N, C-alpha and C. Protein backbone atom coordinates (compact mmCIF):
# COMPACT_ATOMS: atom_id res chain seq x y z
N MET A 1 -29.39 2.21 -18.42
CA MET A 1 -27.92 2.24 -18.38
C MET A 1 -27.42 0.80 -18.53
N ASN A 2 -26.55 0.57 -19.49
CA ASN A 2 -26.03 -0.78 -19.66
C ASN A 2 -24.74 -0.98 -18.87
N LEU A 3 -24.20 -2.18 -18.93
CA LEU A 3 -23.02 -2.53 -18.14
C LEU A 3 -21.81 -1.67 -18.48
N ASN A 4 -21.60 -1.36 -19.75
CA ASN A 4 -20.45 -0.53 -20.14
C ASN A 4 -20.57 0.87 -19.58
N ASP A 5 -21.79 1.42 -19.57
CA ASP A 5 -22.00 2.75 -19.00
C ASP A 5 -21.69 2.75 -17.50
N GLU A 6 -22.09 1.68 -16.83
CA GLU A 6 -21.82 1.57 -15.39
C GLU A 6 -20.31 1.50 -15.13
N LYS A 7 -19.58 0.75 -15.96
CA LYS A 7 -18.13 0.65 -15.80
C LYS A 7 -17.47 2.00 -16.01
N ARG A 8 -17.91 2.75 -17.04
CA ARG A 8 -17.34 4.07 -17.29
C ARG A 8 -17.61 5.00 -16.12
N GLN A 9 -18.83 4.95 -15.59
CA GLN A 9 -19.20 5.84 -14.49
C GLN A 9 -18.35 5.55 -13.25
N THR A 10 -18.16 4.28 -12.90
CA THR A 10 -17.36 3.96 -11.72
C THR A 10 -15.89 4.25 -11.96
N ALA A 11 -15.43 4.16 -13.21
CA ALA A 11 -14.02 4.45 -13.51
C ALA A 11 -13.71 5.92 -13.23
N PHE A 12 -14.66 6.80 -13.47
CA PHE A 12 -14.44 8.22 -13.20
C PHE A 12 -14.43 8.51 -11.71
N GLN A 13 -15.06 7.69 -10.92
CA GLN A 13 -15.16 7.92 -9.48
C GLN A 13 -13.95 7.39 -8.73
N ARG A 14 -13.24 6.43 -9.31
CA ARG A 14 -12.08 5.84 -8.64
C ARG A 14 -10.88 6.76 -8.73
N PRO A 15 -10.13 6.90 -7.62
CA PRO A 15 -8.90 7.68 -7.71
C PRO A 15 -7.87 6.94 -8.56
N LYS A 16 -7.05 7.70 -9.29
CA LYS A 16 -6.03 7.07 -10.11
C LYS A 16 -4.94 6.49 -9.22
N LYS A 17 -4.43 5.33 -9.62
CA LYS A 17 -3.37 4.69 -8.85
C LYS A 17 -2.03 5.35 -9.16
N VAL A 18 -1.23 5.49 -8.14
CA VAL A 18 0.11 6.03 -8.30
C VAL A 18 0.99 4.90 -8.83
N ARG A 19 1.77 5.20 -9.84
CA ARG A 19 2.67 4.19 -10.40
C ARG A 19 3.73 3.85 -9.37
N LYS A 20 3.98 2.58 -9.19
CA LYS A 20 4.95 2.13 -8.19
C LYS A 20 5.94 1.17 -8.84
N LYS A 21 7.13 1.10 -8.25
CA LYS A 21 8.16 0.19 -8.72
C LYS A 21 8.46 -0.82 -7.63
N GLN A 22 8.90 -1.97 -8.04
CA GLN A 22 9.24 -3.03 -7.09
C GLN A 22 10.67 -2.84 -6.60
N LYS A 23 10.88 -3.11 -5.31
CA LYS A 23 12.21 -3.03 -4.70
C LYS A 23 12.31 -4.16 -3.68
N THR A 24 13.45 -4.81 -3.63
CA THR A 24 13.66 -5.90 -2.69
C THR A 24 14.46 -5.41 -1.50
N PHE A 25 13.98 -5.72 -0.30
CA PHE A 25 14.69 -5.41 0.94
C PHE A 25 14.84 -6.67 1.75
N TYR A 26 15.87 -6.73 2.55
CA TYR A 26 16.10 -7.88 3.42
C TYR A 26 15.83 -7.45 4.85
N LEU A 27 14.96 -8.20 5.53
CA LEU A 27 14.55 -7.89 6.89
C LEU A 27 14.74 -9.11 7.78
N PRO A 28 14.93 -8.87 9.07
CA PRO A 28 15.03 -10.01 10.00
C PRO A 28 13.72 -10.81 10.01
N PRO A 29 13.81 -12.12 10.16
CA PRO A 29 12.61 -12.97 10.15
C PRO A 29 11.53 -12.54 11.14
N ALA A 30 11.92 -12.08 12.32
CA ALA A 30 10.94 -11.66 13.31
C ALA A 30 10.16 -10.44 12.84
N LEU A 31 10.83 -9.53 12.16
CA LEU A 31 10.16 -8.33 11.64
C LEU A 31 9.20 -8.70 10.51
N ILE A 32 9.60 -9.64 9.68
CA ILE A 32 8.74 -10.12 8.60
C ILE A 32 7.49 -10.77 9.19
N ALA A 33 7.66 -11.57 10.23
CA ALA A 33 6.51 -12.22 10.87
C ALA A 33 5.56 -11.19 11.46
N SER A 34 6.10 -10.16 12.08
CA SER A 34 5.27 -9.09 12.64
C SER A 34 4.52 -8.34 11.54
N LEU A 35 5.21 -8.09 10.44
CA LEU A 35 4.59 -7.41 9.31
C LEU A 35 3.44 -8.24 8.74
N ARG A 36 3.67 -9.52 8.55
CA ARG A 36 2.62 -10.41 8.02
C ARG A 36 1.41 -10.45 8.95
N LEU A 37 1.65 -10.56 10.24
CA LEU A 37 0.56 -10.62 11.21
C LEU A 37 -0.23 -9.31 11.21
N TYR A 38 0.47 -8.19 11.21
CA TYR A 38 -0.21 -6.91 11.21
C TYR A 38 -1.05 -6.74 9.95
N ALA A 39 -0.50 -7.11 8.81
CA ALA A 39 -1.23 -6.99 7.55
C ALA A 39 -2.46 -7.89 7.53
N ALA A 40 -2.33 -9.07 8.10
CA ALA A 40 -3.44 -10.02 8.12
C ALA A 40 -4.58 -9.54 9.02
N THR A 41 -4.27 -8.74 10.02
CA THR A 41 -5.29 -8.29 10.96
C THR A 41 -5.74 -6.86 10.71
N SER A 42 -5.19 -6.24 9.68
CA SER A 42 -5.59 -4.87 9.34
C SER A 42 -6.14 -4.88 7.92
N GLU A 43 -6.55 -3.75 7.45
CA GLU A 43 -7.04 -3.65 6.08
C GLU A 43 -5.96 -3.14 5.14
N LEU A 44 -4.71 -3.23 5.55
CA LEU A 44 -3.59 -2.76 4.75
C LEU A 44 -2.77 -3.94 4.22
N SER A 45 -2.16 -3.73 3.05
CA SER A 45 -1.25 -4.75 2.53
C SER A 45 0.12 -4.55 3.16
N GLN A 46 0.97 -5.53 3.03
CA GLN A 46 2.33 -5.41 3.55
C GLN A 46 3.04 -4.23 2.89
N SER A 47 2.85 -4.05 1.60
CA SER A 47 3.48 -2.93 0.89
C SER A 47 3.00 -1.59 1.43
N GLU A 48 1.70 -1.47 1.69
CA GLU A 48 1.17 -0.22 2.23
C GLU A 48 1.75 0.09 3.61
N ILE A 49 1.90 -0.93 4.42
CA ILE A 49 2.46 -0.74 5.77
C ILE A 49 3.91 -0.28 5.68
N VAL A 50 4.70 -0.93 4.84
CA VAL A 50 6.11 -0.56 4.69
C VAL A 50 6.22 0.84 4.09
N GLU A 51 5.37 1.16 3.13
CA GLU A 51 5.40 2.49 2.51
C GLU A 51 5.12 3.58 3.55
N LYS A 52 4.10 3.37 4.37
CA LYS A 52 3.76 4.37 5.40
C LYS A 52 4.87 4.48 6.44
N ALA A 53 5.41 3.34 6.86
CA ALA A 53 6.46 3.36 7.87
C ALA A 53 7.71 4.08 7.35
N LEU A 54 8.09 3.80 6.13
CA LEU A 54 9.28 4.43 5.55
C LEU A 54 9.06 5.93 5.33
N ALA A 55 7.88 6.30 4.87
CA ALA A 55 7.58 7.72 4.68
C ALA A 55 7.64 8.47 6.01
N ASN A 56 7.07 7.88 7.06
CA ASN A 56 7.11 8.51 8.39
C ASN A 56 8.55 8.61 8.91
N PHE A 57 9.34 7.57 8.71
CA PHE A 57 10.72 7.56 9.14
C PHE A 57 11.50 8.68 8.46
N LEU A 58 11.37 8.76 7.13
CA LEU A 58 12.10 9.77 6.38
C LEU A 58 11.66 11.19 6.74
N LYS A 59 10.38 11.37 6.99
CA LYS A 59 9.87 12.69 7.41
C LYS A 59 10.47 13.09 8.75
N GLU A 60 10.56 12.18 9.68
CA GLU A 60 11.15 12.47 11.00
C GLU A 60 12.66 12.73 10.89
N GLU A 61 13.32 12.02 10.01
CA GLU A 61 14.77 12.20 9.84
C GLU A 61 15.10 13.57 9.25
N GLN A 62 14.19 14.14 8.48
CA GLN A 62 14.44 15.43 7.85
C GLN A 62 14.21 16.59 8.79
N LYS A 63 13.64 16.34 9.95
CA LYS A 63 13.38 17.44 10.93
C LYS A 63 14.66 17.85 11.63
């Protein structure tokens, strides 16, 4: 198996990425600092943390 075959094989195993758009939000400096610290000590990016938090918030609001 050559390198190209290995790349093709791993490409089929990876989940497809969801297309995302950029959006700018303004947050208090203390909240930004908390977000940065949490992201630095977890395996999540700042975007992933905000996405999960917003999704949970909206789900609770719809109840």
